[in-house]
Amino acid sequence: MQRKKLKYELDIQTLQNIQKNQLIEAAVRSEEIERHRIAEELHDEVGAILGSSSLHFYGIKIENCDEVSQQMYQKGRSLLDEGIHKIRGISHNLHSAILQELGLKEAISHFCGNIMHSSLAEINLDLTDEYSTKVIQNDISIYRMIQELLHNITKHAQANKIHIQSVSTNNKLIFVISHNGKGLIQTEFERLRFLKNGLGLKNIQNRVILLKADLVFSYQSNEYFIKINIPTD
């Protein structure tokens, strides 16, 4: 009788875990679809409007304007160009096309390049060439985790030096992100991801569960470390 009861409880627990993973997978898939929708609208609609505005703006003749008007024109032109550049950057970051075309390493490198262009952070990369994509959806989840973690580091930790390393060994892909900002240790991460405003951390944790990965935050030698251990078999 006790054995049957134990088996029943284990079966229930297994079913609950399966249902939980299915819900997480559905949420992650829905989020990715929404990202793509927003990226395409930004590129096709907002980007097109700004591009058309730029053509009209550049067609204005200012040779006979006074100096103040010319300065205002140059400032407006500079802001419009910056807006177009930022819209393109946001659209590319939201869309995973670059990941599917060039692979995980190049997608991460491209994203880091955008961060260095728009912030004071210096990012050094040491990414493995030995990893090859097996399941594109898994790579998208890895890419989104790296994006979210770097966003948190530059925004909240205020780090100006970041190092990202990856190795592929024993059917595992391992990322180690270190930085000199105000980071987290594991107990703080576990607490913050349950807060209402900790949506980014919840999204990271959902992808960790989906990938059956391990995520560890630590501090040593005056640096904060984030280690992600991802099975690839």
Protein backbone atom coordinates (compact mmCIF):
# COMPACT_ATOMS: atom_id res chain seq x y z
CA MET A 1 0.00 0.00 0.00
CA GLN A 2 2.79 2.41 0.97
CA ARG A 3 4.66 1.61 -2.24
CA LYS A 4 1.58 2.37 -4.36
CA LYS A 5 1.04 5.64 -2.52
CA LEU A 6 4.67 6.64 -3.09
CA LYS A 7 4.44 5.76 -6.81
CA TYR A 8 1.23 7.77 -7.10
CA GLU A 9 2.87 10.82 -5.51
CA LEU A 10 5.90 10.49 -7.79
CA ASP A 11 3.62 10.23 -10.84
CA ILE A 12 1.76 13.35 -9.76
CA GLN A 13 5.02 15.22 -9.24
CA THR A 14 6.28 14.14 -12.67
CA LEU A 15 3.02 15.27 -14.29
CA GLN A 16 3.21 18.64 -12.52
CA ASN A 17 6.79 19.13 -13.70
CA ILE A 18 5.81 18.30 -17.28
CA GLN A 19 2.91 20.76 -17.13
CA LYS A 20 5.16 23.44 -15.63
CA ASN A 21 7.73 23.00 -18.40
CA GLN A 22 4.99 23.12 -21.04
CA LEU A 23 3.69 26.40 -19.61
CA ILE A 24 7.20 27.87 -19.54
CA GLU A 25 7.84 26.73 -23.10
CA ALA A 26 4.55 28.28 -24.25
CA ALA A 27 5.37 31.56 -22.46
CA VAL A 28 8.86 31.69 -23.99
CA ARG A 29 7.52 30.90 -27.46
CA SER A 30 4.83 33.56 -27.11
CA GLU A 31 7.41 36.12 -25.98
CA GLU A 32 9.60 35.36 -29.01
CA ILE A 33 6.65 35.75 -31.40
CA GLU A 34 5.83 39.11 -29.82
CA ARG A 35 9.46 40.23 -30.09
CA HIS A 36 9.43 39.42 -33.81
CA ARG A 37 6.15 41.27 -34.32
CA ILE A 38 7.46 44.41 -32.60
CA ALA A 39 10.78 44.19 -34.48
CA GLU A 40 9.03 44.00 -37.84
CA GLU A 41 6.69 46.90 -37.01
CA LEU A 42 9.62 49.04 -35.87
CA HIS A 43 11.57 48.24 -39.02
CA ASP A 44 8.75 48.35 -41.58
CA GLU A 45 6.58 51.15 -40.17
CA VAL A 46 8.51 53.40 -37.78
CA GLY A 47 11.76 52.90 -39.67
CA ALA A 48 10.08 53.71 -42.99
CA ILE A 49 8.53 56.90 -41.60
CA LEU A 50 11.83 58.09 -40.15
CA GLY A 51 13.65 57.23 -43.38
CA SER A 52 11.14 59.22 -45.43
CA SER A 53 11.41 62.11 -42.96
CA SER A 54 15.17 62.02 -43.36
CA LEU A 55 14.92 62.34 -47.16
CA HIS A 56 12.66 65.39 -46.82
CA PHE A 57 14.85 66.87 -44.11
CA TYR A 58 18.01 66.51 -46.17
CA GLY A 59 16.27 68.25 -49.08
CA ILE A 60 15.89 71.50 -47.15
CA LYS A 61 18.15 74.33 -48.40
CA ILE A 62 19.69 76.24 -45.50
CA GLU A 63 22.40 78.26 -47.26
CA ASN A 64 20.47 81.52 -46.85
CA CYS A 65 19.38 80.87 -43.25
CA ASP A 66 20.90 82.68 -40.31
CA GLU A 67 23.49 80.96 -38.11
CA VAL A 68 21.02 80.02 -35.35
CA SER A 69 18.67 78.36 -37.85
CA GLN A 70 21.57 76.47 -39.41
CA GLN A 71 22.65 75.21 -35.98
CA MET A 72 19.09 74.09 -35.20
CA TYR A 73 18.92 72.33 -38.56
CA GLN A 74 22.19 70.49 -37.94
CA LYS A 75 21.04 69.48 -34.45
CA GLY A 76 17.70 68.21 -35.76
CA ARG A 77 19.45 66.29 -38.54
CA SER A 78 21.83 64.71 -36.02
CA LEU A 79 18.94 63.68 -33.72
CA LEU A 80 16.98 62.21 -36.64
CA ASP A 81 19.99 60.15 -37.76
CA GLU A 82 20.49 58.97 -34.18
CA GLY A 83 16.80 57.99 -33.93
CA ILE A 84 17.01 55.95 -37.16
CA HIS A 85 20.15 54.22 -35.89
CA LYS A 86 18.54 53.37 -32.54
CA ILE A 87 15.36 52.03 -34.17
CA ARG A 88 17.44 49.74 -36.36
CA GLY A 89 19.45 48.57 -33.35
CA ILE A 90 16.35 47.83 -31.28
CA SER A 91 14.73 46.01 -34.19
CA HIS A 92 17.81 43.83 -34.75
CA ASN A 93 18.09 43.02 -31.04
CA LEU A 94 14.44 42.00 -30.83
CA HIS A 95 14.60 39.83 -33.93
CA SER A 96 16.56 36.56 -33.91
CA ALA A 97 17.28 36.54 -37.67
CA ILE A 98 20.98 37.24 -37.16
CA LEU A 99 21.16 34.25 -34.81
CA GLN A 100 19.58 31.93 -37.37
CA GLU A 101 21.78 33.26 -40.18
CA LEU A 102 25.18 33.59 -38.50
CA GLY A 103 24.99 31.46 -35.35
CA LEU A 104 25.12 32.07 -31.60
CA LYS A 105 28.68 33.42 -31.41
CA GLU A 106 28.18 36.07 -34.09
CA ALA A 107 24.78 37.08 -32.69
CA ILE A 108 26.26 37.66 -29.23
CA SER A 109 29.22 39.54 -30.73
CA HIS A 110 26.86 41.77 -32.72
CA PHE A 111 24.74 42.51 -29.64
CA CYS A 112 27.82 43.35 -27.57
CA GLY A 113 28.98 45.69 -30.31
CA ASN A 114 25.68 47.56 -30.06
CA ILE A 115 26.05 47.84 -26.28
CA MET A 116 29.56 49.27 -26.56
CA HIS A 117 28.31 51.76 -29.15
CA SER A 118 25.49 53.03 -26.92
CA SER A 119 27.10 52.85 -23.45
CA LEU A 120 30.39 53.33 -21.62
CA ALA A 121 30.87 49.60 -21.10
CA GLU A 122 33.93 47.85 -22.51
CA ILE A 123 33.13 44.21 -23.35
CA ASN A 124 35.82 41.61 -24.03
CA LEU A 125 34.72 38.40 -25.72
CA ASP A 126 36.35 34.99 -25.68
CA LEU A 127 33.69 32.80 -27.29
CA THR A 128 34.24 29.23 -28.42
CA ASP A 129 34.24 28.20 -32.07
CA GLU A 130 33.67 24.56 -31.15
CA TYR A 131 29.96 24.85 -30.40
CA SER A 132 27.54 24.11 -33.25
CA THR A 133 23.80 24.64 -33.17
CA LYS A 134 21.65 21.55 -32.73
CA VAL A 135 18.29 23.06 -31.72
CA ILE A 136 17.75 26.65 -32.88
CA GLN A 137 15.09 27.30 -30.20
CA ASN A 138 17.63 26.46 -27.50
CA ASP A 139 20.12 28.89 -29.03
CA ILE A 140 17.44 31.60 -29.04
CA SER A 141 16.89 31.01 -25.32
CA ILE A 142 20.65 31.19 -24.66
CA TYR A 143 20.89 34.39 -26.70
CA ARG A 144 17.97 35.99 -24.82
CA MET A 145 19.54 35.07 -21.46
CA ILE A 146 22.83 36.71 -22.45
CA GLN A 147 20.94 39.77 -23.69
CA GLU A 148 18.98 40.13 -20.44
CA LEU A 149 22.02 39.57 -18.24
CA LEU A 150 24.07 42.16 -20.13
CA HIS A 151 21.18 44.60 -20.02
CA ASN A 152 21.00 44.21 -16.24
CA ILE A 153 24.77 44.58 -15.85
CA THR A 154 24.98 47.80 -17.88
CA LYS A 155 21.79 49.30 -16.45
CA HIS A 156 21.70 48.23 -12.80
CA ALA A 157 25.24 47.07 -11.98
CA GLN A 158 26.72 50.08 -13.80
CA ALA A 159 29.75 48.08 -14.84
CA ASN A 160 32.21 49.54 -17.33
CA LYS A 161 34.29 46.40 -17.84
CA ILE A 162 32.66 43.11 -18.81
CA HIS A 163 34.23 39.84 -19.90
CA ILE A 164 32.27 37.01 -21.55
CA GLN A 165 33.83 33.60 -22.04
CA SER A 166 32.30 30.41 -23.41
CA VAL A 167 33.63 26.86 -23.71
CA SER A 168 32.08 23.74 -25.20
CA THR A 169 33.07 20.52 -23.46
CA ASN A 170 31.59 17.15 -22.43
CA ASN A 171 28.23 17.86 -24.09
CA LYS A 172 27.93 21.15 -22.24
CA LEU A 173 28.12 24.80 -23.26
CA ILE A 174 29.44 26.94 -20.42
CA PHE A 175 29.27 30.74 -20.27
CA VAL A 176 31.08 32.81 -17.65
CA ILE A 177 30.28 36.52 -17.48
CA SER A 178 32.37 38.66 -15.14
CA HIS A 179 32.16 42.41 -14.46
CA ASN A 180 33.37 45.15 -12.12
CA GLY A 181 29.97 46.63 -11.26
CA LYS A 182 27.51 46.14 -8.40
CA GLY A 183 26.36 42.59 -9.06
CA LEU A 184 24.38 39.83 -7.41
CA ILE A 185 25.22 36.73 -5.45
CA GLN A 186 23.02 33.65 -5.59
CA THR A 187 20.87 34.43 -2.53
CA GLU A 188 20.06 37.91 -3.88
CA PHE A 189 19.09 36.49 -7.28
CA GLU A 190 16.76 33.94 -5.66
CA ARG A 191 15.07 36.74 -3.70
CA LEU A 192 14.80 39.31 -6.50
CA ARG A 193 13.39 36.98 -9.15
CA PHE A 194 10.19 36.58 -7.12
CA LEU A 195 9.52 40.34 -6.88
CA LYS A 196 6.92 41.99 -9.11
CA ASN A 197 9.52 44.21 -10.76
CA GLY A 198 11.91 41.30 -11.31
CA LEU A 199 10.38 40.30 -14.66
CA GLY A 200 13.75 40.17 -16.42
CA LEU A 201 15.15 37.80 -13.80
CA LYS A 202 12.01 35.64 -14.02
CA ASN A 203 12.46 35.40 -17.79
CA ILE A 204 16.07 34.34 -17.27
CA GLN A 205 15.01 31.68 -14.76
CA ASN A 206 12.30 30.38 -17.12
CA ARG A 207 14.87 29.87 -19.85
CA VAL A 208 17.22 28.17 -17.37
CA ILE A 209 14.45 25.70 -16.52
CA LEU A 210 13.60 25.18 -20.18
CA LEU A 211 17.24 24.43 -21.06
CA LYS A 212 17.75 22.26 -17.94
CA ALA A 213 20.70 24.54 -17.22
CA ASP A 214 22.44 25.72 -14.05
CA LEU A 215 22.81 29.42 -13.29
CA VAL A 216 25.11 30.57 -10.49
CA PHE A 217 25.88 34.12 -9.31
CA SER A 218 29.03 34.67 -7.22
CA TYR A 219 31.58 37.24 -6.06
CA GLN A 220 35.32 36.78 -5.77
CA SER A 221 38.51 38.80 -6.18
CA ASN A 222 36.59 42.10 -6.45
CA GLU A 223 34.54 40.86 -9.40
CA TYR A 224 31.05 39.47 -9.88
CA PHE A 225 30.61 36.27 -11.85
CA ILE A 226 27.64 34.67 -13.61
CA LYS A 227 28.11 31.06 -14.70
CA ILE A 228 25.64 29.31 -17.01
CA ASN A 229 26.07 25.57 -17.52
CA ILE A 230 23.91 24.33 -20.42
CA PRO A 231 23.55 20.68 -21.51
CA THR A 232 23.82 20.27 -25.29
CA ASP A 233 23.33 16.51 -25.77
